[in-house]
Amino acid sequence: MGAFSASCGKKGSHRQRLTLCSSPEKRVACVIPHPFRTLSLLSCGQEPRVPPTLLFSEAKPLFSLYKVHTPRIGCCRHCLPRSLSDTERETQECEATMVLKFLFLFLFLSLLLVLGWVQPSLGRESPSKKFQRQHMDSGNSPGNNTNYCNQMMKRRKMTRGWCKPVNTFVHESLEDVKAICSEKNITCKNGQYNCHQSNSTVNITDCRQTGSSRYPNCVYKTTKLQKRIIVACEGNVSMPVHLDASV
């Protein structure tokens, strides 16, 4: 195992003599007696410059060992502060960066919160639309179809999660049902005073769940009727939002 001495450092500076050895148990580095430069050399994984005294056959294997045994860490232009003013400047830059990160994070979380409030309201069914889905079947009639209620209750999403026990479908035009809202106000079943009764009978179909029916197999009895209906109306332009009863 060959061993030899070499000098490291720039001309005119303090030099430190090192014993360099090609043994794999030892790591080889050219240590310049300056703390920042030494850290830069080791942390950034730079190879030491070959001094004139190492220009012989044993220099090559030594630097090969240096490459193998020295971990390489990514370098940046802020690896080492050049002066106190540079340190203060970099500290301020880091603080400004952190403030911007927290600001963007706050804005992002605020946006998610707003979307969480707005999205459900965008997808929510309005009371008037719900009335139309559950009760309006204009121009149609079950005829002799005893399976009408089974089909319609499923199609109109009233058998999802449970079997709605009773529901009434109205076979008149939507405009005729809207006109009921202009009739005089009467008291609803819940005590509110926003119900209106039709002044004539209308064609309806009464759907009632049979006694043996259990979710998810919802089964209904279909009954065709002609009755007056009572609807609750709401809004500036009064619209039917609830079918209160049929009489």
Protein backbone atom coordinates (compact mmCIF):
# COMPACT_ATOMS: atom_id res chain seq x y z
CA MET A 1 0.00 0.00 0.00
CA GLY A 2 1.65 3.21 -1.13
CA ALA A 3 1.51 6.34 0.97
CA PHE A 4 2.90 9.81 0.30
CA SER A 5 2.57 13.43 1.38
CA ALA A 6 1.12 16.32 -0.61
CA SER A 7 0.50 20.02 -0.06
CA CYS A 8 -2.94 21.60 -0.52
CA GLY A 9 -3.96 25.21 -0.94
CA LYS A 10 -3.28 28.24 -3.06
CA LYS A 11 0.09 29.78 -3.49
CA GLY A 12 0.95 32.19 -0.68
CA SER A 13 -1.69 30.81 1.71
CA HIS A 14 -1.17 28.70 4.79
CA ARG A 15 -0.61 25.13 3.66
CA GLN A 16 -1.45 21.94 5.47
CA ARG A 17 0.44 18.79 4.67
CA LEU A 18 -1.64 15.62 4.45
CA THR A 19 -0.65 12.00 4.17
CA LEU A 20 -2.65 10.57 1.25
CA CYS A 21 -3.21 6.85 1.12
CA SER A 22 -4.88 4.64 -1.46
CA SER A 23 -6.37 2.42 1.24
CA PRO A 24 -10.19 2.03 0.72
CA GLU A 25 -10.72 2.31 4.48
CA LYS A 26 -9.75 5.99 4.39
CA ARG A 27 -11.47 8.81 2.57
CA VAL A 28 -9.31 11.16 0.57
CA ALA A 29 -9.88 14.88 0.48
CA CYS A 30 -7.73 17.96 -0.04
CA VAL A 31 -8.52 19.99 3.09
CA ILE A 32 -7.92 23.72 2.80
CA PRO A 33 -7.76 25.27 6.31
CA HIS A 34 -10.77 27.54 5.80
CA PRO A 35 -14.13 26.40 7.29
CA PHE A 36 -16.39 27.66 4.52
CA ARG A 37 -14.25 26.40 1.67
CA THR A 38 -13.82 23.03 3.35
CA LEU A 39 -17.63 22.73 3.79
CA SER A 40 -18.19 23.77 0.20
CA LEU A 41 -15.78 21.14 -1.03
CA LEU A 42 -17.29 18.32 1.02
CA SER A 43 -21.01 19.18 0.97
CA CYS A 44 -21.19 20.03 -2.71
CA GLY A 45 -19.31 16.93 -3.74
CA GLN A 46 -16.71 18.78 -5.80
CA GLU A 47 -13.54 17.04 -6.75
CA PRO A 48 -10.31 18.63 -5.42
CA ARG A 49 -7.98 20.13 -7.90
CA VAL A 50 -4.85 18.05 -8.45
CA PRO A 51 -1.84 19.89 -6.98
CA PRO A 52 1.39 19.76 -8.96
CA THR A 53 2.89 17.45 -6.33
CA LEU A 54 0.23 14.76 -7.12
CA LEU A 55 0.90 14.50 -10.82
CA PHE A 56 2.15 10.93 -10.66
CA SER A 57 0.73 7.43 -10.91
CA GLU A 58 -0.92 7.21 -7.46
CA ALA A 59 -3.11 10.34 -7.89
CA LYS A 60 -5.68 8.66 -10.16
CA PRO A 61 -6.72 5.80 -7.78
CA LEU A 62 -6.90 8.24 -4.89
CA PHE A 63 -9.41 10.48 -6.64
CA SER A 64 -11.37 7.40 -7.73
CA LEU A 65 -11.74 6.52 -4.05
CA TYR A 66 -12.84 10.07 -3.34
CA LYS A 67 -15.65 9.75 -5.88
CA VAL A 68 -16.84 6.43 -4.46
CA HIS A 69 -16.73 7.24 -0.75
CA THR A 70 -17.79 10.90 -0.72
CA PRO A 71 -21.59 11.50 -0.85
CA ARG A 72 -22.67 14.10 -3.37
CA ILE A 73 -25.12 16.76 -2.22
CA GLY A 74 -26.77 19.15 -4.67
CA CYS A 75 -25.15 22.60 -4.76
CA CYS A 76 -26.85 25.96 -4.98
CA ARG A 77 -25.64 29.49 -5.27
CA HIS A 78 -26.63 30.08 -1.62
CA CYS A 79 -24.58 27.14 -0.22
CA LEU A 80 -22.27 29.40 1.74
CA PRO A 81 -22.81 32.99 2.81
CA ARG A 82 -20.12 35.29 1.50
CA SER A 83 -20.65 37.91 4.17
CA LEU A 84 -22.97 38.91 6.99
CA SER A 85 -24.98 41.15 4.66
CA ASP A 86 -25.51 38.19 2.32
CA THR A 87 -26.79 36.14 5.25
CA GLU A 88 -29.27 38.83 6.23
CA ARG A 89 -30.44 39.17 2.64
CA GLU A 90 -30.95 35.44 2.25
CA THR A 91 -32.80 35.28 5.57
CA GLN A 92 -35.16 38.01 4.40
CA GLU A 93 -35.68 36.20 1.10
CA CYS A 94 -36.50 32.97 2.95
CA GLU A 95 -38.97 34.78 5.22
CA ALA A 96 -40.65 36.43 2.22
CA THR A 97 -40.90 33.05 0.50
CA MET A 98 -42.53 31.49 3.56
CA VAL A 99 -45.03 34.35 3.80
CA LEU A 100 -45.98 33.85 0.14
CA LYS A 101 -46.38 30.11 0.66
CA PHE A 102 -48.68 30.63 3.65
CA LEU A 103 -50.64 33.24 1.69
CA PHE A 104 -51.18 30.91 -1.26
CA LEU A 105 -52.13 28.09 1.11
CA PHE A 106 -54.68 30.34 2.85
CA LEU A 107 -56.18 31.40 -0.49
CA PHE A 108 -56.34 27.79 -1.67
CA LEU A 109 -58.10 26.62 1.50
CA SER A 110 -60.50 29.57 1.28
CA LEU A 111 -61.34 28.60 -2.30
CA LEU A 112 -62.04 25.01 -1.25
CA LEU A 113 -64.29 26.26 1.54
CA VAL A 114 -66.26 28.50 -0.83
CA LEU A 115 -66.66 25.66 -3.33
CA GLY A 116 -67.87 23.43 -0.51
CA TRP A 117 -70.64 25.94 0.22
CA VAL A 118 -71.54 26.77 -3.37
CA GLN A 119 -71.45 23.37 -5.04
CA PRO A 120 -74.21 21.73 -2.97
CA SER A 121 -76.48 24.70 -3.60
CA LEU A 122 -75.80 24.48 -7.34
CA GLY A 123 -76.81 20.82 -7.42
CA ARG A 124 -79.73 21.15 -4.98
CA GLU A 125 -83.22 20.67 -6.39
CA SER A 126 -85.50 23.67 -5.94
CA PRO A 127 -88.88 23.13 -4.21
CA SER A 128 -90.81 23.84 -7.42
CA LYS A 129 -88.65 21.39 -9.41
CA LYS A 130 -89.12 18.78 -6.71
CA PHE A 131 -92.90 19.27 -6.90
CA GLN A 132 -92.82 18.72 -10.66
CA ARG A 133 -90.66 15.61 -10.36
CA GLN A 134 -92.80 14.01 -7.67
CA HIS A 135 -96.31 15.00 -8.77
CA MET A 136 -96.55 16.14 -12.40
CA ASP A 137 -97.26 13.65 -15.20
CA SER A 138 -99.04 15.91 -17.64
CA GLY A 139 -101.04 14.37 -20.46
CA ASN A 140 -100.46 10.80 -19.30
CA SER A 141 -102.80 8.37 -17.66
CA PRO A 142 -102.17 4.91 -16.23
CA GLY A 143 -105.08 3.50 -18.20
CA ASN A 144 -105.32 -0.17 -17.35
CA ASN A 145 -101.65 -0.40 -16.38
CA THR A 146 -101.66 -1.70 -12.82
CA ASN A 147 -97.86 -1.43 -12.78
CA TYR A 148 -97.96 2.34 -13.40
CA CYS A 149 -97.08 3.35 -9.82
CA ASN A 150 -94.27 0.80 -9.55
CA GLN A 151 -92.70 2.21 -12.71
CA MET A 152 -93.27 5.90 -11.95
CA MET A 153 -92.17 5.82 -8.32
CA LYS A 154 -88.90 4.22 -9.37
CA ARG A 155 -88.45 6.49 -12.39
CA ARG A 156 -89.06 9.63 -10.32
CA LYS A 157 -86.49 8.54 -7.67
CA MET A 158 -88.91 7.98 -4.80
CA THR A 159 -87.67 4.47 -3.99
CA ARG A 160 -84.03 5.38 -3.31
CA GLY A 161 -83.02 4.55 0.24
CA TRP A 162 -86.65 3.95 1.25
CA CYS A 163 -90.14 3.38 -0.15
CA LYS A 164 -92.18 6.58 -0.10
CA PRO A 165 -95.49 5.27 1.30
CA VAL A 166 -97.95 7.56 -0.56
CA ASN A 167 -97.67 9.79 -3.60
CA THR A 168 -100.07 11.45 -6.04
CA PHE A 169 -99.46 12.14 -9.74
CA VAL A 170 -101.43 14.91 -11.44
CA HIS A 171 -102.32 14.44 -15.11
CA GLU A 172 -103.06 18.08 -15.94
CA SER A 173 -100.83 20.69 -17.57
CA LEU A 174 -98.30 22.50 -15.42
CA GLU A 175 -99.91 25.83 -16.32
CA ASP A 176 -103.28 24.64 -15.00
CA VAL A 177 -101.68 23.55 -11.73
CA LYS A 178 -99.81 26.87 -11.44
CA ALA A 179 -103.14 28.66 -11.83
CA ILE A 180 -104.34 27.04 -8.60
CA CYS A 181 -101.89 29.32 -6.74
CA SER A 182 -104.10 32.29 -7.68
CA GLU A 183 -107.05 30.84 -5.78
CA LYS A 184 -107.80 32.12 -2.28
CA ASN A 185 -105.48 31.15 0.54
CA ILE A 186 -106.45 28.39 2.93
CA THR A 187 -104.67 26.78 5.87
CA CYS A 188 -102.33 23.88 5.13
CA LYS A 189 -102.06 20.72 7.21
CA ASN A 190 -98.92 22.09 8.86
CA GLY A 191 -100.76 25.27 9.93
CA GLN A 192 -99.21 27.59 7.36
CA TYR A 193 -101.49 29.86 5.37
CA ASN A 194 -100.09 29.42 1.87
CA CYS A 195 -102.27 26.61 0.49
CA HIS A 196 -104.76 26.87 -2.38
CA GLN A 197 -107.49 24.50 -3.56
CA SER A 198 -108.43 23.88 -7.18
CA ASN A 199 -111.93 25.06 -8.09
CA SER A 200 -112.64 21.87 -10.05
CA THR A 201 -111.65 18.22 -10.04
CA VAL A 202 -108.51 17.08 -11.83
CA ASN A 203 -107.26 13.72 -13.09
CA ILE A 204 -104.85 12.15 -10.60
CA THR A 205 -103.34 8.76 -9.80
CA ASP A 206 -102.95 7.69 -6.20
CA CYS A 207 -99.96 5.43 -5.44
CA ARG A 208 -99.89 3.60 -2.10
CA GLN A 209 -97.35 1.10 -0.86
CA THR A 210 -98.79 -2.36 -0.27
CA GLY A 211 -98.60 -3.90 3.19
CA SER A 212 -96.25 -6.68 2.12
CA SER A 213 -93.85 -4.30 0.37
CA ARG A 214 -90.41 -3.82 1.89
CA TYR A 215 -87.41 -1.81 0.73
CA PRO A 216 -85.69 -2.29 -1.68
CA ASN A 217 -88.57 -4.14 -3.35
CA CYS A 218 -91.11 -1.30 -3.26
CA VAL A 219 -94.55 -2.35 -4.51
CA TYR A 220 -97.47 0.07 -5.00
CA LYS A 221 -101.18 -0.12 -5.70
CA THR A 222 -102.34 2.11 -8.59
CA THR A 223 -105.66 3.94 -8.26
CA LYS A 224 -107.08 6.42 -10.80
CA LEU A 225 -109.14 9.26 -9.31
CA GLN A 226 -110.75 12.61 -10.07
CA LYS A 227 -110.48 15.00 -7.13
CA ARG A 228 -109.75 18.57 -6.18
CA ILE A 229 -106.18 19.08 -5.09
CA ILE A 230 -104.70 21.43 -2.50
CA VAL A 231 -101.23 22.79 -3.20
CA ALA A 232 -98.87 25.01 -1.23
CA CYS A 233 -97.34 27.86 -3.23
CA GLU A 234 -94.24 30.01 -2.66
CA GLY A 235 -92.13 32.65 -4.37
CA ASN A 236 -92.57 36.13 -5.83
CA VAL A 237 -94.06 34.43 -8.87
CA SER A 238 -96.23 32.00 -6.93
CA MET A 239 -95.30 28.42 -7.81
CA PRO A 240 -96.63 25.12 -6.42
CA VAL A 241 -94.04 23.54 -4.11
CA HIS A 242 -96.07 20.94 -2.21
CA LEU A 243 -99.13 18.76 -2.81
CA ASP A 244 -100.93 19.03 0.52
CA ALA A 245 -104.01 16.89 -0.10
CA SER A 246 -106.67 15.70 -2.53
CA VAL A 247 -110.36 16.11 -1.60
